[in-house]
Protein backbone atom coordinates (compact mmCIF):
# COMPACT_ATOMS: atom_id res chain seq x y z
CA MET A 1 8.45 7.23 -8.76
CA THR A 2 10.38 9.36 -10.50
CA ALA A 3 13.89 7.94 -10.13
CA THR A 4 17.18 9.94 -10.15
CA ILE A 5 19.34 8.09 -12.25
CA LEU A 6 23.61 8.69 -11.92
CA LEU A 7 25.25 7.55 -15.27
CA VAL A 8 28.82 6.67 -15.09
CA ASP A 9 30.44 6.55 -18.07
CA ASP A 10 34.02 7.97 -19.48
CA GLU A 11 33.01 7.96 -22.88
CA LYS A 12 31.41 11.23 -23.65
CA ASN A 13 28.99 9.91 -26.83
CA ALA A 14 27.83 6.86 -24.38
CA ARG A 15 26.75 9.58 -21.60
CA ASN A 16 25.32 11.97 -24.45
CA ASN A 17 23.22 8.80 -25.70
CA ILE A 18 22.17 7.00 -22.85
CA GLY A 19 21.32 10.38 -20.53
CA SER A 20 18.86 11.65 -23.70
CA TYR A 21 17.17 8.51 -23.43
CA LEU A 22 17.06 7.88 -19.93
CA GLU A 23 15.34 11.95 -20.16
CA SER A 24 13.22 11.66 -22.81
CA GLU A 25 11.79 8.70 -20.45
CA GLY A 26 10.57 10.72 -17.58
CA TYR A 27 13.94 10.11 -15.50
CA GLU A 28 16.43 12.55 -13.68
CA VAL A 29 20.06 12.08 -14.77
CA LEU A 30 23.47 12.72 -13.02
CA LEU A 31 26.80 12.31 -15.39
CA ALA A 32 29.59 11.37 -14.09
CA ALA A 33 32.84 10.48 -16.20
CA ASP A 34 35.30 9.17 -13.64
CA LEU A 35 34.68 7.59 -10.16
CA LYS A 36 35.92 10.40 -8.17
CA THR A 37 32.41 12.59 -9.64
CA ALA A 38 30.71 9.36 -9.12
CA ARG A 39 31.55 9.37 -5.18
CA LYS A 40 30.38 13.21 -4.87
CA HIS A 41 27.18 12.55 -6.26
CA LEU A 42 26.75 9.32 -3.83
CA ALA A 43 28.18 10.82 -0.93
CA ALA A 44 25.61 13.21 -1.62
CA GLN A 45 23.21 10.81 -1.93
CA GLU A 46 21.76 12.53 -4.82
CA ALA A 47 21.02 8.83 -6.94
CA ASP A 48 18.47 6.35 -6.36
CA ILE A 49 20.21 4.05 -9.17
CA VAL A 50 23.48 4.03 -10.91
CA LEU A 51 24.23 2.84 -14.39
CA LEU A 52 28.06 2.26 -13.76
CA ASP A 53 31.31 1.16 -16.83
CA VAL A 54 33.48 -1.09 -15.71
CA GLN A 55 36.70 0.35 -17.16
CA LEU A 56 36.92 3.86 -16.11
CA PRO A 57 39.95 6.51 -16.17
CA ASP A 58 40.93 6.53 -12.02
CA GLY A 59 39.88 3.32 -11.12
CA TYR A 60 37.74 0.04 -11.90
CA GLY A 61 34.13 0.80 -11.66
CA PRO A 62 33.24 -2.60 -9.73
CA ASP A 63 34.76 -1.22 -6.89
CA LEU A 64 32.51 1.58 -5.99
CA LEU A 65 29.94 -2.25 -5.15
CA ALA A 66 31.64 -2.22 -2.11
CA GLU A 67 31.38 1.56 -1.12
CA THR A 68 27.63 1.90 -2.19
CA SER A 69 26.48 -1.01 0.54
CA GLN A 70 28.09 1.02 2.93
CA LEU A 71 25.59 3.56 1.93
CA ALA A 72 21.71 4.09 4.60
CA SER A 73 20.35 4.70 0.58
CA ARG A 74 22.47 1.57 -1.48
CA PRO A 75 21.26 2.24 -4.81
CA PRO A 76 20.97 -0.51 -7.19
CA ILE A 77 24.03 -0.82 -9.55
CA ILE A 78 23.33 -1.83 -13.11
CA MET A 79 27.03 -2.69 -14.48
CA ILE A 80 27.49 -1.42 -18.40
CA THR A 81 30.86 -2.56 -20.54
CA ALA A 82 31.80 -2.89 -23.82
CA HIS A 83 34.48 -5.44 -22.45
CA GLY A 84 31.90 -7.69 -20.53
CA LYS A 85 33.03 -11.04 -19.87
CA ILE A 86 30.93 -13.76 -18.16
CA ASP A 87 33.54 -14.45 -15.63
CA MET A 88 33.65 -10.60 -14.81
CA ALA A 89 29.66 -10.57 -14.40
CA VAL A 90 29.23 -13.36 -12.49
CA GLU A 91 31.78 -11.78 -9.80
CA ALA A 92 30.00 -8.56 -10.25
CA MET A 93 26.77 -9.82 -9.52
CA LYS A 94 27.88 -11.90 -6.43
CA ASN A 95 29.75 -8.39 -5.27
CA GLY A 96 25.61 -6.77 -5.30
CA ALA A 97 25.44 -5.28 -8.58
CA HIS A 98 21.63 -5.40 -9.68
CA ASP A 99 22.33 -6.24 -13.16
CA PHE A 100 25.01 -6.36 -16.02
CA ILE A 101 24.39 -5.04 -19.56
CA GLN A 102 27.06 -5.28 -22.45
CA LYS A 103 27.35 -2.62 -24.83
CA PRO A 104 26.06 -1.94 -27.44
CA ILE A 105 22.94 -0.65 -25.39
CA LYS A 106 19.60 -1.94 -26.34
CA PHE A 107 17.67 0.23 -24.49
CA GLU A 108 14.38 -1.94 -24.37
CA ARG A 109 16.89 -4.16 -22.15
CA LEU A 110 17.71 -1.48 -19.99
CA GLU A 111 14.36 -0.22 -19.15
CA GLN A 112 13.66 -3.30 -17.97
CA SER A 113 16.65 -3.62 -15.50
CA ILE A 114 16.05 0.04 -14.47
CA LYS A 115 12.13 -1.04 -13.69
CA ARG A 116 13.61 -4.06 -11.61
CA ALA A 117 15.64 -1.68 -10.01
CA GLN A 118 13.11 0.94 -8.70
CA ASP A 119 11.10 -2.02 -7.12
CA ILE A 120 14.01 -2.27 -4.66
CA VAL A 121 14.29 1.62 -4.19
CA GLU A 122 10.48 1.76 -3.80
CA MET A 123 10.55 -1.14 -1.09
CA ARG A 124 14.08 0.28 0.80
CA GLU A 125 12.24 3.82 0.77
CA GLU A 126 9.30 2.03 2.73
CA LEU A 127 11.25 0.54 4.68
CA ASN A 128 13.29 3.55 5.22
CA HIS A 129 10.19 5.57 5.70
CA TYR A 130 8.78 3.08 8.97
CA ARG A 131 12.25 3.19 10.47
CA LYS A 132 12.39 7.09 10.97
CA THR A 133 8.77 7.42 11.91
CA GLN A 134 8.86 4.42 14.04
CA ARG A 135 5.47 3.45 13.16
CA ASP A 136 4.36 -0.42 13.34
CA SER A 137 0.88 -0.28 12.81
CA LEU A 138 -0.69 -1.11 9.56
CA ASP A 139 -3.27 1.85 9.55
CA SER A 140 -1.59 4.07 6.60
CA ILE A 141 -2.21 3.58 2.99
CA VAL A 142 1.21 3.21 1.10
CA ILE A 143 0.82 4.00 -2.68
CA ASN A 144 2.89 5.05 -5.73
CA SER A 145 0.29 4.14 -8.59
CA ASP A 146 -1.80 6.89 -10.54
CA ILE A 147 -5.04 5.11 -9.88
CA MET A 148 -4.49 4.42 -6.20
CA ARG A 149 -2.93 8.03 -5.71
CA ASP A 150 -6.37 9.26 -7.54
CA VAL A 151 -8.39 7.46 -5.02
CA PHE A 152 -6.41 8.86 -2.12
CA ALA A 153 -6.76 12.66 -3.25
CA GLN A 154 -11.05 12.37 -3.80
CA ALA A 155 -10.30 10.76 -0.01
CA GLN A 156 -8.46 13.84 1.27
CA ARG A 157 -11.09 16.20 -0.28
CA ALA A 158 -14.12 14.17 0.92
CA ALA A 159 -12.35 13.75 4.78
CA LYS A 160 -12.53 17.73 4.84
CA ARG A 161 -16.53 17.16 4.96
CA SER A 162 -18.33 15.33 7.71
CA THR A 163 -20.66 13.77 5.26
CA SER A 164 -21.43 10.16 4.51
CA ILE A 165 -18.66 8.18 2.50
CA LEU A 166 -19.43 5.08 0.65
CA ILE A 167 -16.40 2.65 0.12
CA ALA A 168 -16.81 0.24 -2.41
CA GLY A 169 -14.11 -2.86 -3.51
CA GLU A 170 -13.40 -6.74 -3.41
CA THR A 171 -12.64 -8.43 -0.25
CA GLY A 172 -8.97 -7.41 1.30
CA THR A 173 -8.35 -4.12 -0.42
CA GLY A 174 -8.34 -1.95 1.97
CA LYS A 175 -11.69 -0.52 2.48
CA GLU A 176 -11.19 -0.32 6.54
CA VAL A 177 -7.43 1.36 5.92
CA LEU A 178 -9.27 3.86 3.43
CA ALA A 179 -12.06 4.75 6.28
CA ARG A 180 -9.34 5.22 9.27
CA ALA A 181 -6.98 7.70 7.06
CA ILE A 182 -10.21 9.31 6.33
CA HIS A 183 -10.57 9.65 9.78
CA ARG A 184 -7.15 11.06 10.51
CA MET A 185 -7.56 13.40 7.84
CA GLY A 186 -10.63 14.78 8.69
CA PRO A 187 -12.12 17.34 11.23
CA ARG A 188 -13.14 14.34 13.50
CA SER A 189 -9.67 12.69 13.60
CA ASP A 190 -9.29 13.88 17.54
CA LYS A 191 -12.87 11.96 18.25
CA SER A 192 -13.84 8.01 18.30
CA PHE A 193 -13.85 6.09 15.12
CA ILE A 194 -15.99 2.90 15.92
CA ASP A 195 -16.31 0.33 13.51
CA ILE A 196 -18.50 -2.99 13.07
CA ASN A 197 -18.20 -5.73 10.83
CA CYS A 198 -22.43 -6.32 9.92
CA ALA A 199 -21.81 -9.43 8.37
CA ALA A 200 -19.90 -10.84 11.42
CA VAL A 201 -23.01 -10.09 13.54
CA GLN A 202 -26.14 -12.32 13.46
CA ASN A 203 -28.97 -9.76 12.32
CA THR A 204 -31.32 -10.19 15.16
CA MET A 205 -28.42 -8.61 17.29
CA LEU A 206 -27.24 -6.06 14.92
CA GLU A 207 -29.59 -3.88 16.45
CA SER A 208 -29.21 -3.77 20.04
CA GLU A 209 -25.00 -3.63 18.53
CA LEU A 210 -25.96 -0.56 16.74
CA PHE A 211 -28.86 1.48 19.04
CA GLY A 212 -27.96 -0.50 22.54
CA TYR A 213 -31.36 -1.27 24.77
CA GLU A 214 -32.33 -0.92 28.01
CA ALA A 215 -32.23 -2.91 30.90
CA GLY A 216 -34.75 -5.21 30.80
CA ALA A 217 -35.76 -5.14 27.08
CA PHE A 218 -34.98 -9.31 26.58
CA THR A 219 -34.25 -11.87 27.96
CA GLY A 220 -30.25 -11.55 29.06
CA ALA A 221 -30.20 -7.56 29.19
CA GLN A 222 -29.83 -6.90 32.66
CA LYS A 223 -28.30 -3.60 32.64
CA ARG A 224 -28.34 -0.87 29.79
CA LYS A 225 -25.92 -0.81 26.90
CA ARG A 226 -24.89 1.97 25.00
CA GLY A 227 -25.06 1.22 21.39
CA LEU A 228 -22.09 2.04 18.80
CA LEU A 229 -23.98 5.54 17.23
CA GLU A 230 -24.41 6.39 20.92
CA VAL A 231 -20.52 5.52 21.72
CA ALA A 232 -19.40 7.38 18.03
CA ASP A 233 -21.05 10.41 18.74
CA GLU A 234 -19.06 13.64 17.37
CA GLY A 235 -16.83 10.79 15.97
CA ILE A 236 -16.92 8.36 12.65
CA LEU A 237 -19.04 5.23 12.82
CA PHE A 238 -17.96 2.79 10.05
CA LEU A 239 -19.97 -0.17 8.77
CA ASP A 240 -18.00 -2.22 7.25
CA GLU A 241 -20.04 -5.06 4.58
CA ILE A 242 -23.05 -2.92 5.30
CA SER A 243 -24.57 -5.18 2.06
CA SER A 244 -25.43 -7.83 4.62
CA MET A 245 -27.54 -5.88 6.69
CA SER A 246 -31.58 -7.17 6.90
CA SER A 247 -34.06 -5.03 5.16
CA ASP A 248 -35.47 -4.32 8.08
CA MET A 249 -32.07 -3.46 9.47
CA GLN A 250 -31.59 -1.22 6.72
CA ALA A 251 -34.88 0.76 6.66
CA LYS A 252 -33.85 1.35 10.58
CA VAL A 253 -30.48 2.79 9.51
CA LEU A 254 -31.85 4.87 7.10
CA ARG A 255 -34.12 6.74 9.54
CA ALA A 256 -31.37 7.30 12.47
CA LEU A 257 -29.36 8.83 9.82
CA GLU A 258 -31.80 11.13 8.28
CA GLU A 259 -33.01 11.97 12.03
CA ARG A 260 -30.09 12.06 13.49
CA THR A 261 -31.81 10.59 16.35
CA PHE A 262 -32.63 6.78 17.20
CA ARG A 263 -33.94 4.72 20.45
CA ARG A 264 -32.29 1.95 22.28
CA VAL A 265 -34.04 -1.09 22.08
CA GLY A 266 -36.85 -1.32 25.16
CA SER A 267 -37.06 2.60 25.50
CA THR A 268 -39.17 5.26 24.41
CA THR A 269 -36.68 7.73 24.26
CA SER A 270 -35.13 9.76 21.22
CA ILE A 271 -31.09 10.22 21.66
CA GLN A 272 -29.98 12.57 18.80
CA VAL A 273 -26.14 12.14 18.15
CA ASP A 274 -23.61 13.88 15.59
CA VAL A 275 -22.25 10.78 13.97
CA GLN A 276 -20.15 10.96 10.35
CA ILE A 277 -20.75 7.78 8.85
CA LEU A 278 -18.28 5.25 6.75
CA ALA A 279 -19.93 2.16 4.80
CA ALA A 280 -18.33 -0.25 3.00
CA SER A 281 -19.47 -3.18 0.81
CA ASN A 282 -17.36 -6.02 -1.51
CA ARG A 283 -20.46 -6.40 -3.32
CA ASP A 284 -22.22 -4.99 -6.00
CA LEU A 285 -24.75 -2.47 -4.25
CA PRO A 286 -26.40 -1.16 -7.75
CA SER A 287 -27.19 -5.03 -8.56
CA LEU A 288 -28.93 -5.67 -4.90
CA ILE A 289 -31.28 -2.52 -5.54
CA GLU A 290 -32.31 -4.17 -8.65
CA THR A 291 -33.04 -7.64 -6.82
CA GLY A 292 -34.46 -5.87 -3.80
CA ALA A 293 -32.19 -7.18 -1.56
CA PHE A 294 -31.05 -3.48 -0.61
CA ARG A 295 -32.61 -0.24 -0.15
CA GLU A 296 -31.88 2.44 -3.24
CA ASP A 297 -32.71 5.39 -0.61
CA LEU A 298 -30.10 3.92 2.12
CA TYR A 299 -27.88 3.62 -0.84
CA TYR A 300 -28.35 6.97 -1.94
CA ARG A 301 -27.74 8.58 1.45
CA LEU A 302 -24.63 6.64 2.41
CA LYS A 303 -22.99 7.37 -1.28
CA VAL A 304 -22.89 11.47 -0.45
CA ILE A 305 -19.07 10.72 -1.88
CA ASN A 306 -18.32 7.31 -3.51
CA LEU A 307 -14.46 5.91 -3.32
CA GLU A 308 -13.94 2.89 -5.71
CA ILE A 309 -10.32 1.15 -4.76
CA PRO A 310 -9.29 -0.83 -7.73
CA PRO A 311 -8.04 -4.53 -6.74
CA LEU A 312 -4.27 -4.78 -6.17
CA ARG A 313 -4.01 -6.94 -9.73
CA GLU A 314 -4.96 -3.60 -11.63
CA HIS A 315 -2.18 -1.73 -9.38
CA PRO A 316 1.02 -3.67 -8.94
CA GLU A 317 3.16 -0.57 -9.16
CA ASP A 318 2.21 -0.48 -5.19
CA ILE A 319 3.44 -4.40 -4.63
CA PRO A 320 7.29 -3.10 -3.61
CA GLY A 321 6.04 -0.57 -0.98
CA LEU A 322 3.27 -2.34 0.15
CA SER A 323 5.82 -5.41 0.68
CA GLY A 324 8.04 -2.89 2.39
CA HIS A 325 5.50 -1.69 4.80
CA PHE A 326 4.37 -5.71 6.23
CA ILE A 327 8.31 -6.49 6.65
CA LYS A 328 8.78 -3.51 8.65
CA ALA A 329 5.30 -4.31 10.70
CA ASN A 330 6.37 -7.49 11.08
CA ASN A 331 10.12 -7.57 11.65
CA PRO A 332 9.80 -6.70 15.90
CA LYS A 333 6.95 -8.66 15.75
CA MET A 334 8.44 -11.51 14.91
CA GLY A 335 11.90 -10.82 15.85
CA LEU A 336 13.61 -10.55 12.61
CA ASN A 337 15.26 -8.14 10.37
CA ILE A 338 14.66 -8.99 6.88
CA GLU A 339 16.24 -6.08 4.92
CA ASN A 340 15.00 -6.27 1.21
CA MET A 341 13.51 -9.11 -1.51
CA THR A 342 15.18 -10.23 -4.55
CA PRO A 343 13.97 -8.69 -8.15
CA ALA A 344 13.17 -12.04 -9.15
CA ALA A 345 10.46 -12.40 -5.69
CA LEU A 346 9.16 -8.82 -6.50
CA ALA A 347 8.84 -10.36 -10.09
CA LEU A 348 6.94 -12.99 -9.22
CA LEU A 349 4.77 -10.76 -6.69
CA LYS A 350 3.84 -8.67 -9.47
CA LYS A 351 3.28 -11.09 -11.71
CA TYR A 352 0.37 -12.64 -9.71
CA GLN A 353 -3.11 -11.94 -10.28
CA TRP A 354 -3.78 -11.33 -6.43
CA PRO A 355 -7.73 -12.94 -5.70
CA GLY A 356 -7.22 -11.83 -2.27
CA ASN A 357 -5.93 -8.51 -2.81
CA ILE A 358 -3.56 -6.52 -0.21
CA ARG A 359 -4.76 -8.77 2.81
CA GLU A 360 -3.16 -11.83 0.56
CA LEU A 361 -0.26 -10.00 -0.26
CA ARG A 362 0.37 -9.18 3.62
CA ASN A 363 -0.33 -12.91 4.56
CA VAL A 364 2.58 -14.18 1.81
CA ILE A 365 4.87 -11.78 2.75
CA GLU A 366 4.39 -13.02 6.77
CA ARG A 367 4.86 -16.41 4.97
CA ALA A 368 8.10 -15.31 3.15
CA MET A 369 9.86 -14.10 6.53
CA ILE A 370 8.72 -17.75 8.55
CA PHE A 371 10.53 -18.92 5.77
CA CYS A 372 13.78 -16.59 5.64
CA ASP A 373 16.81 -16.85 6.98
CA GLU A 374 18.69 -14.60 5.64
CA ALA A 375 17.97 -10.80 5.53
CA THR A 376 16.84 -10.64 2.10
CA ILE A 377 13.50 -12.92 1.03
CA ASP A 378 14.19 -14.99 -2.77
CA VAL A 379 11.63 -16.96 -4.87
CA GLN A 380 12.25 -20.08 -2.83
CA HIS A 381 10.37 -18.17 0.43
CA LEU A 382 7.44 -17.47 -1.40
CA PRO A 383 4.35 -19.76 -1.79
CA ALA A 384 4.12 -22.29 -4.64
CA GLU A 385 0.99 -20.90 -5.76
CA LEU A 386 2.54 -17.73 -7.08
CA LYS A 387 5.33 -20.03 -8.92
CA THR A 388 2.73 -21.24 -11.64
């Protein structure tokens, strides 16, 4: 995110020095020497974050706190002053200031405060996005980090071709979410998306789930059943946790993919299908190949395109947006109206290592909302393991 920062200070040297530093750090900077100019920028919703001096020629800077709280964008305000006192800082924070910094400003301290403010802006933007689009589904990808932008860019290119795609990543990183996004972006978006978790189906049943069966094929098969390959014809079949397949099933799936035909269990008639295969695994398939647990030929047949989703601990920049996404998704289901999260709470989320990745973050946000009686989630609403 490239934030636009409104710097409100009546001292020309301060505006020039701070403004030059912010621009060198990649921020877009708007300058104002008085409250009148600042109000024009705020009314036009041009600023993401405000750096606000206390003493200004046409009024008292903190008066803007109440005014900005009524704006839809509600940009975080960082108070800056050479006249700072403890009681002034406390009063400003009570009235909604994001932070309070005294002059002469230490740029390292300023940068830390701006980064925390950016987290708040990103989460609010995500909430506003879903309010505008009225999407309550979790089937979307929330990204702000370079590493996830790269993954998504690769997925966009891959989606244009009806080819096999292998998605790798730890449990909870969002492999199915990415698979569904590929379906939406691709030429088969108007066709079916069928998914199966191979680890959740016994290997003895997996064949009949994928290929279907004829009536009388085995005990209990009273009538013909279409398999998922047949149901997904012209669409996409997503094979999640494919590493759990037995060697025998791997061979049958490979043959079906290569020949684009299969037979129902108990049938001698071949069925031709046009199915794009997306597969996912949370285990290292090359290592399984070395031990003989996974077929090398199937691996390369699936891995025409290979997408690696990094664990959440490697892209904490996405946590504010993801948090806002989950809050928005849960609000109507839980009958709540959570609007925000404190910088301290977001800091804890970004510091945590997330062994369960995005799925664990979703659960933590849901738990925090249950224990939150206000409009803002704070540290006390988060589970104890995040605070150690």
